Amino acid sequence: ALNLDHFETVITPVGEGDMAWKIGDEGFEMI
């Protein structure tokens, strides 16, 4: 098993437009 010790979240200063996920007419569209 794994003991869950700590978690952390970080948003990088750049990259908002480099990885995205949108709904299109022909399925979901990955950037």
PDB file of all heavy atoms in Angstrom:
ATOM      1  N   ALA A   1       0.840  -1.194   0.000  1.00  0.00           N
ATOM      2  CA  ALA A   1       0.000   0.000   0.000  1.00  0.00           C
ATOM      3  C   ALA A   1       0.874   1.242   0.000  1.00  0.00           C
ATOM      4  O   ALA A   1       2.101   1.162   0.070  1.00  0.00           O
ATOM      5  CB  ALA A   1      -0.933  -0.012   1.215  1.00  0.00           C
ATOM      6  N   LEU A   2       0.224   2.392  -0.080  1.00  0.00           N
ATOM      7  CA  LEU A   2       0.928   3.671  -0.074  1.00  0.00           C
ATOM      8  C   LEU A   2       0.317   4.580   0.984  1.00  0.00           C
ATOM      9  O   LEU A   2      -0.904   4.787   1.016  1.00  0.00           O
ATOM     10  CB  LEU A   2       0.831   4.359  -1.441  1.00  0.00           C
ATOM     11  CG  LEU A   2       1.593   3.719  -2.588  1.00  0.00           C
ATOM     12  CD1 LEU A   2       1.155   4.308  -3.923  1.00  0.00           C
ATOM     13  CD2 LEU A   2       3.109   3.907  -2.404  1.00  0.00           C
ATOM     14  N   ASN A   3       1.158   5.113   1.850  1.00  0.00           N
ATOM     15  CA  ASN A   3       0.692   6.141   2.773  1.00  0.00           C
ATOM     16  C   ASN A   3       0.663   7.473   2.031  1.00  0.00           C
ATOM     17  O   ASN A   3       1.659   7.865   1.407  1.00  0.00           O
ATOM     18  CB  ASN A   3       1.615   6.237   3.985  1.00  0.00           C
ATOM     19  CG  ASN A   3       1.005   7.043   5.110  1.00  0.00           C
ATOM     20  OD1 ASN A   3       0.076   6.596   5.768  1.00  0.00           O
ATOM     21  ND2 ASN A   3       1.513   8.245   5.326  1.00  0.00           N
ATOM     22  N   LEU A   4      -0.467   8.172   2.076  1.00  0.00           N
ATOM     23  CA  LEU A   4      -0.613   9.454   1.388  1.00  0.00           C
ATOM     24  C   LEU A   4      -0.123  10.559   2.314  1.00  0.00           C
ATOM     25  O   LEU A   4      -0.837  10.983   3.218  1.00  0.00           O
ATOM     26  CB  LEU A   4      -2.071   9.673   0.986  1.00  0.00           C
ATOM     27  CG  LEU A   4      -2.678   8.607   0.071  1.00  0.00           C
ATOM     28  CD1 LEU A   4      -4.158   8.905  -0.193  1.00  0.00           C
ATOM     29  CD2 LEU A   4      -1.912   8.518  -1.247  1.00  0.00           C
ATOM     30  N   ASP A   5       1.098  11.026   2.095  1.00  0.00           N
ATOM     31  CA  ASP A   5       1.735  11.966   3.018  1.00  0.00           C
ATOM     32  C   ASP A   5       1.344  13.418   2.729  1.00  0.00           C
ATOM     33  O   ASP A   5       0.801  14.100   3.592  1.00  0.00           O
ATOM     34  CB  ASP A   5       3.255  11.816   2.946  1.00  0.00           C
ATOM     35  CG  ASP A   5       3.717  10.418   3.321  1.00  0.00           C
ATOM     36  OD1 ASP A   5       3.065   9.789   4.172  1.00  0.00           O
ATOM     37  OD2 ASP A   5       4.725   9.958   2.749  1.00  0.00           O
ATOM     38  N   HIS A   6       1.639  13.899   1.526  1.00  0.00           N
ATOM     39  CA  HIS A   6       1.416  15.314   1.205  1.00  0.00           C
ATOM     40  C   HIS A   6       0.997  15.464  -0.251  1.00  0.00           C
ATOM     41  O   HIS A   6       1.375  14.652  -1.107  1.00  0.00           O
ATOM     42  CB  HIS A   6       2.685  16.139   1.436  1.00  0.00           C
ATOM     43  CG  HIS A   6       3.286  15.969   2.793  1.00  0.00           C
ATOM     44  ND1 HIS A   6       2.729  16.495   3.929  1.00  0.00           N
ATOM     45  CD2 HIS A   6       4.413  15.316   3.200  1.00  0.00           C
ATOM     46  CE1 HIS A   6       3.480  16.186   4.984  1.00  0.00           C
ATOM     47  NE2 HIS A   6       4.499  15.468   4.557  1.00  0.00           N
ATOM     48  N   PHE A   7       0.247  16.547  -0.528  1.00  0.00           N
ATOM     49  CA  PHE A   7      -0.142  16.900  -1.895  1.00  0.00           C
ATOM     50  C   PHE A   7       0.154  18.372  -2.140  1.00  0.00           C
ATOM     51  O   PHE A   7       0.184  19.181  -1.211  1.00  0.00           O
ATOM     52  CB  PHE A   7      -1.642  16.653  -2.123  1.00  0.00           C
ATOM     53  CG  PHE A   7      -2.033  15.207  -2.179  1.00  0.00           C
ATOM     54  CD1 PHE A   7      -2.348  14.513  -1.018  1.00  0.00           C
ATOM     55  CD2 PHE A   7      -2.094  14.534  -3.391  1.00  0.00           C
ATOM     56  CE1 PHE A   7      -2.711  13.177  -1.055  1.00  0.00           C
ATOM     57  CE2 PHE A   7      -2.457  13.194  -3.445  1.00  0.00           C
ATOM     58  CZ  PHE A   7      -2.766  12.516  -2.272  1.00  0.00           C
ATOM     59  N   GLU A   8       0.358  18.710  -3.412  1.00  0.00           N
ATOM     60  CA  GLU A   8       0.595  20.108  -3.773  1.00  0.00           C
ATOM     61  C   GLU A   8       0.093  20.371  -5.189  1.00  0.00           C
ATOM     62  O   GLU A   8       0.159  19.482  -6.053  1.00  0.00           O
ATOM     63  CB  GLU A   8       2.087  20.444  -3.673  1.00  0.00           C
ATOM     64  CG  GLU A   8       2.403  21.926  -3.772  1.00  0.00           C
ATOM     65  CD  GLU A   8       1.765  22.739  -2.651  1.00  0.00           C
ATOM     66  OE1 GLU A   8       2.077  22.492  -1.477  1.00  0.00           O
ATOM     67  OE2 GLU A   8       0.941  23.624  -2.982  1.00  0.00           O
ATOM     68  N   THR A   9      -0.396  21.588  -5.416  1.00  0.00           N
ATOM     69  CA  THR A   9      -0.841  22.039  -6.735  1.00  0.00           C
ATOM     70  C   THR A   9      -0.056  23.273  -7.138  1.00  0.00           C
ATOM     71  O   THR A   9       0.112  24.191  -6.323  1.00  0.00           O
ATOM     72  CB  THR A   9      -2.342  22.397  -6.729  1.00  0.00           C
ATOM     73  OG1 THR A   9      -3.106  21.258  -6.346  1.00  0.00           O
ATOM     74  CG2 THR A   9      -2.796  22.870  -8.110  1.00  0.00           C
ATOM     75  N   VAL A  10       0.416  23.303  -8.371  1.00  0.00           N
ATOM     76  CA  VAL A  10       1.131  24.473  -8.896  1.00  0.00           C
ATOM     77  C   VAL A  10       0.672  24.726 -10.329  1.00  0.00           C
ATOM     78  O   VAL A  10       0.578  23.792 -11.129  1.00  0.00           O
ATOM     79  CB  VAL A  10       2.662  24.274  -8.866  1.00  0.00           C
ATOM     80  CG1 VAL A  10       3.367  25.413  -9.602  1.00  0.00           C
ATOM     81  CG2 VAL A  10       3.165  24.186  -7.429  1.00  0.00           C
ATOM     82  N   ILE A  11       0.371  25.989 -10.637  1.00  0.00           N
ATOM     83  CA  ILE A  11       0.098  26.401 -12.012  1.00  0.00           C
ATOM     84  C   ILE A  11       1.341  27.108 -12.526  1.00  0.00           C
ATOM     85  O   ILE A  11       1.805  28.072 -11.912  1.00  0.00           O
ATOM     86  CB  ILE A  11      -1.126  27.328 -12.100  1.00  0.00           C
ATOM     87  CG1 ILE A  11      -2.377  26.604 -11.607  1.00  0.00           C
ATOM     88  CG2 ILE A  11      -1.328  27.828 -13.529  1.00  0.00           C
ATOM     89  CD1 ILE A  11      -3.620  27.481 -11.578  1.00  0.00           C
ATOM     90  N   THR A  12       1.891  26.642 -13.634  1.00  0.00           N
ATOM     91  CA  THR A  12       3.105  27.252 -14.168  1.00  0.00           C
ATOM     92  C   THR A  12       2.793  28.642 -14.727  1.00  0.00           C
ATOM     93  O   THR A  12       1.666  28.918 -15.128  1.00  0.00           O
ATOM     94  CB  THR A  12       3.721  26.377 -15.268  1.00  0.00           C
ATOM     95  OG1 THR A  12       2.779  26.233 -16.343  1.00  0.00           O
ATOM     96  CG2 THR A  12       4.080  24.999 -14.732  1.00  0.00           C
ATOM     97  N   PRO A  13       3.792  29.531 -14.781  1.00  0.00           N
ATOM     98  CA  PRO A  13       3.559  30.897 -15.259  1.00  0.00           C
ATOM     99  C   PRO A  13       3.138  30.960 -16.728  1.00  0.00           C
ATOM    100  O   PRO A  13       2.515  31.927 -17.159  1.00  0.00           O
ATOM    101  CB  PRO A  13       4.912  31.585 -15.050  1.00  0.00           C
ATOM    102  CG  PRO A  13       5.630  30.740 -14.053  1.00  0.00           C
ATOM    103  CD  PRO A  13       5.161  29.338 -14.294  1.00  0.00           C
ATOM    104  N   VAL A  14       3.487  29.937 -17.503  1.00  0.00           N
ATOM    105  CA  VAL A  14       3.136  29.893 -18.929  1.00  0.00           C
ATOM    106  C   VAL A  14       2.505  28.537 -19.234  1.00  0.00           C
ATOM    107  O   VAL A  14       2.575  27.620 -18.432  1.00  0.00           O
ATOM    108  CB  VAL A  14       4.380  30.096 -19.820  1.00  0.00           C
ATOM    109  CG1 VAL A  14       4.965  31.488 -19.633  1.00  0.00           C
ATOM    110  CG2 VAL A  14       5.444  29.038 -19.509  1.00  0.00           C
ATOM    111  N   GLY A  15       1.867  28.448 -20.395  1.00  0.00           N
ATOM    112  CA  GLY A  15       1.358  27.160 -20.830  1.00  0.00           C
ATOM    113  C   GLY A  15      -0.148  27.041 -20.910  1.00  0.00           C
ATOM    114  O   GLY A  15      -0.674  25.978 -21.251  1.00  0.00           O
ATOM    115  N   GLU A  16      -0.867  28.118 -20.607  1.00  0.00           N
ATOM    116  CA  GLU A  16      -2.334  28.040 -20.635  1.00  0.00           C
ATOM    117  C   GLU A  16      -2.854  27.616 -22.000  1.00  0.00           C
ATOM    118  O   GLU A  16      -3.827  26.865 -22.102  1.00  0.00           O
ATOM    119  CB  GLU A  16      -2.933  29.397 -20.246  1.00  0.00           C
ATOM    120  CG  GLU A  16      -4.452  29.395 -20.216  1.00  0.00           C
ATOM    121  CD  GLU A  16      -5.027  30.729 -19.762  1.00  0.00           C
ATOM    122  OE1 GLU A  16      -4.240  31.587 -19.302  1.00  0.00           O
ATOM    123  OE2 GLU A  16      -6.253  30.908 -19.872  1.00  0.00           O
ATOM    124  N   GLY A  17      -2.200  28.087 -23.065  1.00  0.00           N
ATOM    125  CA  GLY A  17      -2.658  27.756 -24.409  1.00  0.00           C
ATOM    126  C   GLY A  17      -1.977  26.552 -25.018  1.00  0.00           C
ATOM    127  O   GLY A  17      -2.280  26.178 -26.158  1.00  0.00           O
ATOM    128  N   ASP A  18      -1.062  25.906 -24.275  1.00  0.00           N
ATOM    129  CA  ASP A  18      -0.298  24.790 -24.833  1.00  0.00           C
ATOM    130  C   ASP A  18      -0.902  23.427 -24.523  1.00  0.00           C
ATOM    131  O   ASP A  18      -0.529  22.437 -25.146  1.00  0.00           O
ATOM    132  CB  ASP A  18       1.142  24.835 -24.312  1.00  0.00           C
ATOM    133  CG  ASP A  18       1.908  26.022 -24.864  1.00  0.00           C
ATOM    134  OD1 ASP A  18       2.287  25.960 -26.050  1.00  0.00           O
ATOM    135  OD2 ASP A  18       2.094  27.011 -24.137  1.00  0.00           O
ATOM    136  N   MET A  19      -1.796  23.373 -23.552  1.00  0.00           N
ATOM    137  CA  MET A  19      -2.503  22.130 -23.258  1.00  0.00           C
ATOM    138  C   MET A  19      -3.933  22.502 -22.875  1.00  0.00           C
ATOM    139  O   MET A  19      -4.171  23.151 -21.854  1.00  0.00           O
ATOM    140  CB  MET A  19      -1.823  21.354 -22.127  1.00  0.00           C
ATOM    141  CG  MET A  19      -2.450  19.977 -21.899  1.00  0.00           C
ATOM    142  SD  MET A  19      -1.720  19.071 -20.494  1.00  0.00           S
ATOM    143  CE  MET A  19      -0.055  18.784 -21.084  1.00  0.00           C
ATOM    144  N   ALA A  20      -4.885  22.108 -23.704  1.00  0.00           N
ATOM    145  CA  ALA A  20      -6.284  22.454 -23.468  1.00  0.00           C
ATOM    146  C   ALA A  20      -7.184  21.361 -24.040  1.00  0.00           C
ATOM    147  O   ALA A  20      -6.742  20.521 -24.832  1.00  0.00           O
ATOM    148  CB  ALA A  20      -6.621  23.804 -24.101  1.00  0.00           C
ATOM    149  N   TRP A  21      -8.461  21.387 -23.672  1.00  0.00           N
ATOM    150  CA  TRP A  21      -9.398  20.299 -23.987  1.00  0.00           C
ATOM    151  C   TRP A  21     -10.759  20.938 -24.157  1.00  0.00           C
ATOM    152  O   TRP A  21     -11.326  21.477 -23.213  1.00  0.00           O
ATOM    153  CB  TRP A  21      -9.354  19.322 -22.829  1.00  0.00           C
ATOM    154  CG  TRP A  21      -9.974  17.950 -22.915  1.00  0.00           C
ATOM    155  CD1 TRP A  21     -10.721  17.349 -21.942  1.00  0.00           C
ATOM    156  CD2 TRP A  21      -9.877  16.984 -23.961  1.00  0.00           C
ATOM    157  NE1 TRP A  21     -11.083  16.076 -22.321  1.00  0.00           N
ATOM    158  CE2 TRP A  21     -10.580  15.827 -23.553  1.00  0.00           C
ATOM    159  CE3 TRP A  21      -9.268  16.995 -25.219  1.00  0.00           C
ATOM    160  CZ2 TRP A  21     -10.693  14.686 -24.351  1.00  0.00           C
ATOM    161  CZ3 TRP A  21      -9.386  15.862 -26.006  1.00  0.00           C
ATOM    162  CH2 TRP A  21     -10.081  14.728 -25.582  1.00  0.00           C
ATOM    163  N   LYS A  22     -11.291  20.932 -25.377  1.00  0.00           N
ATOM    164  CA  LYS A  22     -12.557  21.607 -25.676  1.00  0.00           C
ATOM    165  C   LYS A  22     -13.530  20.649 -26.353  1.00  0.00           C
ATOM    166  O   LYS A  22     -13.125  19.660 -26.963  1.00  0.00           O
ATOM    167  CB  LYS A  22     -12.313  22.822 -26.578  1.00  0.00           C
ATOM    168  CG  LYS A  22     -11.380  23.872 -25.987  1.00  0.00           C
ATOM    169  CD  LYS A  22     -11.150  25.023 -26.957  1.00  0.00           C
ATOM    170  CE  LYS A  22     -10.210  26.060 -26.369  1.00  0.00           C
ATOM    171  NZ  LYS A  22      -9.956  27.180 -27.311  1.00  0.00           N
ATOM    172  N   ILE A  23     -14.822  20.974 -26.252  1.00  0.00           N
ATOM    173  CA  ILE A  23     -15.853  20.166 -26.888  1.00  0.00           C
ATOM    174  C   ILE A  23     -16.159  20.723 -28.268  1.00  0.00           C
ATOM    175  O   ILE A  23     -16.505  21.899 -28.406  1.00  0.00           O
ATOM    176  CB  ILE A  23     -17.137  20.134 -26.033  1.00  0.00           C
ATOM    177  CG1 ILE A  23     -16.837  19.533 -24.663  1.00  0.00           C
ATOM    178  CG2 ILE A  23     -18.227  19.330 -26.729  1.00  0.00           C
ATOM    179  CD1 ILE A  23     -18.009  19.557 -23.709  1.00  0.00           C
ATOM    180  N   GLY A  24     -16.025  19.876 -29.292  1.00  0.00           N
ATOM    181  CA  GLY A  24     -16.330  20.281 -30.659  1.00  0.00           C
ATOM    182  C   GLY A  24     -17.528  19.527 -31.196  1.00  0.00           C
ATOM    183  O   GLY A  24     -18.122  18.681 -30.521  1.00  0.00           O
ATOM    184  N   ASP A  25     -17.894  19.815 -32.429  1.00  0.00           N
ATOM    185  CA  ASP A  25     -19.036  19.138 -33.045  1.00  0.00           C
ATOM    186  C   ASP A  25     -18.736  17.684 -33.374  1.00  0.00           C
ATOM    187  O   ASP A  25     -19.648  16.865 -33.488  1.00  0.00           O
ATOM    188  CB  ASP A  25     -19.448  19.875 -34.321  1.00  0.00           C
ATOM    189  CG  ASP A  25     -20.007  21.260 -34.043  1.00  0.00           C
ATOM    190  OD1 ASP A  25     -20.539  21.457 -32.927  1.00  0.00           O
ATOM    191  OD2 ASP A  25     -19.909  22.131 -34.918  1.00  0.00           O
ATOM    192  N   GLU A  26     -17.459  17.365 -33.536  1.00  0.00           N
ATOM    193  CA  GLU A  26     -17.057  15.993 -33.871  1.00  0.00           C
ATOM    194  C   GLU A  26     -16.142  15.442 -32.787  1.00  0.00           C
ATOM    195  O   GLU A  26     -15.027  15.007 -33.022  1.00  0.00           O
ATOM    196  CB  GLU A  26     -16.363  15.969 -35.242  1.00  0.00           C
ATOM    197  CG  GLU A  26     -17.297  16.389 -36.370  1.00  0.00           C
ATOM    198  CD  GLU A  26     -16.578  16.514 -37.704  1.00  0.00           C
ATOM    199  OE1 GLU A  26     -15.356  16.819 -37.686  1.00  0.00           O
ATOM    200  OE2 GLU A  26     -17.223  16.320 -38.747  1.00  0.00           O
ATOM    201  N   GLY A  27     -16.645  15.466 -31.553  1.00  0.00           N
ATOM    202  CA  GLY A  27     -15.890  14.973 -30.428  1.00  0.00           C
ATOM    203  C   GLY A  27     -15.150  16.076 -29.691  1.00  0.00           C
ATOM    204  O   GLY A  27     -15.332  17.263 -29.965  1.00  0.00           O
ATOM    205  N   PHE A  28     -14.329  15.691 -28.729  1.00  0.00           N
ATOM    206  CA  PHE A  28     -13.551  16.644 -27.947  1.00  0.00           C
ATOM    207  C   PHE A  28     -12.236  16.927 -28.667  1.00  0.00           C
ATOM    208  O   PHE A  28     -11.621  16.024 -29.239  1.00  0.00           O
ATOM    209  CB  PHE A  28     -13.267  16.103 -26.544  1.00  0.00           C
ATOM    210  CG  PHE A  28     -14.494  15.818 -25.729  1.00  0.00           C
ATOM    211  CD1 PHE A  28     -14.386  15.156 -24.523  1.00  0.00           C
ATOM    212  CD2 PHE A  28     -15.757  16.197 -26.159  1.00  0.00           C
ATOM    213  CE1 PHE A  28     -15.504  14.876 -23.758  1.00  0.00           C
ATOM    214  CE2 PHE A  28     -16.891  15.927 -25.402  1.00  0.00           C
ATOM    215  CZ  PHE A  28     -16.763  15.258 -24.200  1.00  0.00           C
ATOM    216  N   GLU A  29     -11.812  18.176 -28.625  1.00  0.00           N
ATOM    217  CA  GLU A  29     -10.637  18.614 -29.381  1.00  0.00           C
ATOM    218  C   GLU A  29      -9.490  18.925 -28.426  1.00  0.00           C
ATOM    219  O   GLU A  29      -9.603  19.778 -27.556  1.00  0.00           O
ATOM    220  CB  GLU A  29     -10.997  19.840 -30.217  1.00  0.00           C
ATOM    221  CG  GLU A  29     -12.110  19.560 -31.224  1.00  0.00           C
ATOM    222  CD  GLU A  29     -12.626  20.811 -31.905  1.00  0.00           C
ATOM    223  OE1 GLU A  29     -12.159  21.921 -31.534  1.00  0.00           O
ATOM    224  OE2 GLU A  29     -13.493  20.696 -32.786  1.00  0.00           O
ATOM    225  N   MET A  30      -8.386  18.226 -28.608  1.00  0.00           N
ATOM    226  CA  MET A  30      -7.215  18.375 -27.753  1.00  0.00           C
ATOM    227  C   MET A  30      -6.217  19.346 -28.357  1.00  0.00           C
ATOM    228  O   MET A  30      -5.901  19.274 -29.550  1.00  0.00           O
ATOM    229  CB  MET A  30      -6.538  17.016 -27.539  1.00  0.00           C
ATOM    230  CG  MET A  30      -5.139  17.074 -26.937  1.00  0.00           C
ATOM    231  SD  MET A  30      -5.100  17.772 -25.283  1.00  0.00           S
ATOM    232  CE  MET A  30      -5.700  16.392 -24.321  1.00  0.00           C
ATOM    233  N   ILE A  31      -5.754  20.278 -27.527  1.00  0.00           N
ATOM    234  CA  ILE A  31      -4.620  21.135 -27.880  1.00  0.00           C
ATOM    235  C   ILE A  31      -3.433  20.656 -27.052  1.00  0.00           C
ATOM    236  O   ILE A  31      -3.461  20.696 -25.824  1.00  0.00           O
ATOM    237  CB  ILE A  31      -4.917  22.612 -27.580  1.00  0.00           C
ATOM    238  CG1 ILE A  31      -6.112  23.103 -28.410  1.00  0.00           C
ATOM    239  CG2 ILE A  31      -3.681  23.466 -27.849  1.00  0.00           C
ATOM    240  CD1 ILE A  31      -6.576  24.502 -28.053  1.00  0.00           C
TER     241      ILE A  31
END
